[in-house]
Structures are given as C-alpha cells and as structure tokens.
Protein backbone atom coordinates (compact mmCIF):
# COMPACT_ATOMS: atom_id res chain seq x y z
CA MET A 1 -219.71 67.85 -18.69
CA CYS A 2 -220.00 66.97 -15.01
CA LYS A 3 -217.51 64.14 -15.50
CA VAL A 4 -214.98 66.58 -16.99
CA TYR A 5 -215.26 68.92 -13.97
CA PHE A 6 -215.03 66.00 -11.55
CA SER A 7 -211.91 64.55 -13.19
CA LEU A 8 -210.29 68.02 -13.31
CA PHE A 9 -211.07 68.57 -9.61
CA PHE A 10 -209.76 65.09 -8.75
CA SER A 11 -206.56 65.71 -10.75
CA ILE A 12 -205.91 68.96 -8.88
CA ILE A 13 -206.40 67.25 -5.51
CA VAL A 14 -204.00 64.45 -6.46
CA PHE A 15 -201.43 66.99 -7.72
CA ILE A 16 -201.55 69.00 -4.48
CA SER A 17 -201.24 65.83 -2.42
CA CYS A 18 -198.21 64.69 -4.43
CA THR A 19 -196.45 68.04 -4.03
CA LYS A 20 -196.76 67.81 -0.22
CA GLU A 21 -195.23 64.34 -0.34
CA LYS A 22 -192.41 65.66 -2.53
CA GLU A 23 -191.66 68.45 -0.03
CA GLN A 24 -191.75 65.91 2.81
CA GLU A 25 -189.17 63.80 0.97
CA LYS A 26 -186.91 66.81 0.40
CA ILE A 27 -186.93 67.93 4.02
CA THR A 28 -186.46 64.48 5.59
CA GLY A 29 -182.95 64.09 6.96
CA SER A 30 -180.46 66.09 9.02
CA TRP A 31 -179.76 69.77 8.50
CA SER A 32 -176.95 71.82 10.05
CA LYS A 33 -177.81 75.42 10.95
CA VAL A 34 -175.72 78.17 9.44
CA PHE A 35 -175.06 80.70 12.19
CA LEU A 36 -175.31 84.26 10.94
CA ARG A 37 -174.10 86.20 14.00
CA ALA A 38 -170.62 86.33 15.53
CA ASP A 39 -171.96 85.62 19.05
CA GLU A 40 -173.24 82.23 17.82
CA ALA A 41 -169.79 81.06 16.70
CA GLY A 42 -168.68 77.79 18.25
CA ASN A 43 -172.21 76.36 18.37
CA THR A 44 -173.56 73.53 16.24
CA LEU A 45 -177.28 72.97 15.78
CA ILE A 46 -178.63 69.96 13.89
CA TRP A 47 -182.31 69.60 13.01
CA THR A 48 -183.35 66.11 11.92
CA PHE A 49 -186.73 65.75 10.22
CA ASP A 50 -188.27 62.28 9.95
CA GLU A 51 -191.08 60.98 7.75
CA ASN A 52 -193.48 60.87 10.75
CA ASN A 53 -193.41 64.67 11.17
CA ASN A 54 -191.02 64.59 14.13
CA LEU A 55 -188.19 67.06 14.49
CA TYR A 56 -185.15 66.25 16.61
CA SER A 57 -183.02 69.24 17.56
CA THR A 58 -179.47 68.71 18.85
CA LYS A 59 -177.44 71.73 19.93
CA TYR A 60 -173.76 71.33 20.72
CA SER A 61 -171.83 74.11 22.42
CA SER A 62 -168.42 74.13 24.05
CA ASP A 63 -169.51 72.30 27.23
CA THR A 64 -173.11 71.12 26.74
CA THR A 65 -175.36 69.18 24.44
CA ILE A 66 -179.08 69.99 24.37
CA LEU A 67 -181.53 67.51 22.85
CA ASP A 68 -185.08 68.51 22.05
CA THR A 69 -188.02 67.07 20.14
CA ALA A 70 -190.87 68.78 18.36
CA SER A 71 -193.41 68.11 15.68
CA PHE A 72 -194.04 69.78 12.36
CA VAL A 73 -196.80 69.97 9.78
CA ILE A 74 -196.28 70.92 6.14
CA ASP A 75 -198.94 73.17 4.65
CA LYS A 76 -198.65 73.83 0.92
CA ASP A 77 -200.58 76.57 -0.85
CA PHE A 78 -201.17 75.85 -4.50
CA PRO A 79 -199.09 76.32 -6.64
CA SER A 80 -195.78 77.05 -4.91
CA THR A 81 -195.74 78.64 -1.44
CA PHE A 82 -195.39 76.25 1.42
CA TYR A 83 -195.19 76.56 5.16
CA ILE A 84 -194.07 74.47 8.10
CA ASP A 85 -195.79 74.78 11.46
CA PHE A 86 -193.55 73.82 14.39
CA THR A 87 -194.85 72.80 17.81
CA GLY A 88 -192.72 71.79 20.76
CA LEU A 89 -189.56 73.75 20.04
CA LYS A 90 -188.47 76.36 22.52
CA GLU A 91 -191.34 78.80 22.89
CA GLU A 92 -189.39 81.55 21.15
CA GLU A 93 -188.98 79.32 18.06
CA ASP A 94 -192.45 77.74 17.66
CA GLY A 95 -194.71 79.09 14.96
CA ARG A 96 -195.43 79.16 11.25
CA TYR A 97 -192.43 79.38 8.94
CA GLN A 98 -192.51 80.10 5.24
CA VAL A 99 -190.06 77.96 3.32
CA ILE A 100 -188.02 80.44 1.30
CA LYS A 101 -185.78 77.83 -0.30
CA LEU A 102 -185.62 74.04 -0.17
CA ASN A 103 -183.51 71.86 -2.40
CA LYS A 104 -181.16 68.91 -1.90
CA THR A 105 -178.59 71.00 -0.02
CA ILE A 106 -180.19 74.22 1.29
CA LEU A 107 -183.14 74.97 3.59
CA VAL A 108 -184.09 78.58 4.33
CA LEU A 109 -186.97 79.34 6.70
CA GLU A 110 -188.60 82.62 7.74
CA ARG A 111 -191.01 82.65 10.68
CA ILE A 112 -194.04 84.68 9.73
CA ALA A 113 -196.35 84.05 12.70
CA TYR A 114 -196.36 82.83 16.29
CA PRO A 115 -198.40 79.72 17.17
CA ASP A 116 -201.34 81.93 18.19
CA GLY A 117 -201.32 83.55 14.73
CA LYS A 118 -199.86 86.87 15.88
CA LYS A 119 -197.55 88.27 13.19
CA GLU A 120 -196.13 91.36 14.88
CA GLY A 121 -192.56 90.66 16.01
CA ALA A 122 -192.61 87.07 14.72
CA TYR A 123 -189.73 87.51 12.27
CA LEU A 124 -187.03 84.86 12.64
CA TRP A 125 -184.67 83.72 9.87
CA LYS A 126 -182.96 80.30 9.80
CA GLU A 127 -180.61 78.85 7.20
CA PHE A 128 -179.50 75.22 7.05
CA VAL A 129 -177.29 73.02 4.89
CA LYS A 130 -177.99 69.33 4.40
CA LYS A 131 -175.69 67.05 6.37
CA THR A 132 -173.96 64.30 4.49
CA ASP A 133 -173.09 61.34 6.68
C-alpha cells in the first residue's frame, strides 16, 4: 500500500514539473505589447523571454529606444493557475502576474500583487501577441 501512495505522489510531482516546463516553452520568445490606450499610440514594446528566465524589454518610441533587462520565475499552482514573478523591470511594473491566457500567439497578464506582496492598487493589465520573425 505504501508503494502505491509513493508512486502516486511521485507521479503528481513529475506531472507538476512537466507542466512548468511546458509553460516555459510556450512563453519563450518575443512578444509585442498590444497598447490599449490612445496616448500609447506610436510606441512599440517587445518583451523577449529566454529559457534562462531572463526578460529583455525593448521600447521604441518616435525618437528613443529603451532597453531593459529583468528576471522572471514561473510559479504554477496545480492544476491550472500559473503566475510569473518579475524582478528588475521598472519599479511600477515589478510584481506577481497571473497568466490569464497563454497560447502560441497570445499572452495576457494581470498583475495581482507588488513585489512586497501588497495587493491594494497592484492591478495592471498587459496583452501581447507573439512576434514572428
């Protein structure tokens, strides 16, 4: 009986580990931000996620280009909800984001907490489309 419980526990651990790897594979690559407000028109923001948990942010506006680097950690709650914790972005963008949607072409993030865990006023919504080079 103990062997059955052990193998069930081991199977669950392996399954959770594999789902994190699957999410990592999906998010790796370059994503172009969809701007939702009129005052953001004319800007281009590209987030590039690599397999080493680095995020490279490149913002192009009419006369400047801003490059930034950050790190991210994927945290998946069994069975489906998963989060990304960002560190090193602009202070007003760091924090814990819930992944609302992630597939081959769309990434939707909602910040649910600041880095210190505070949730009040943390709301921030970001939508991206996968870049095809």
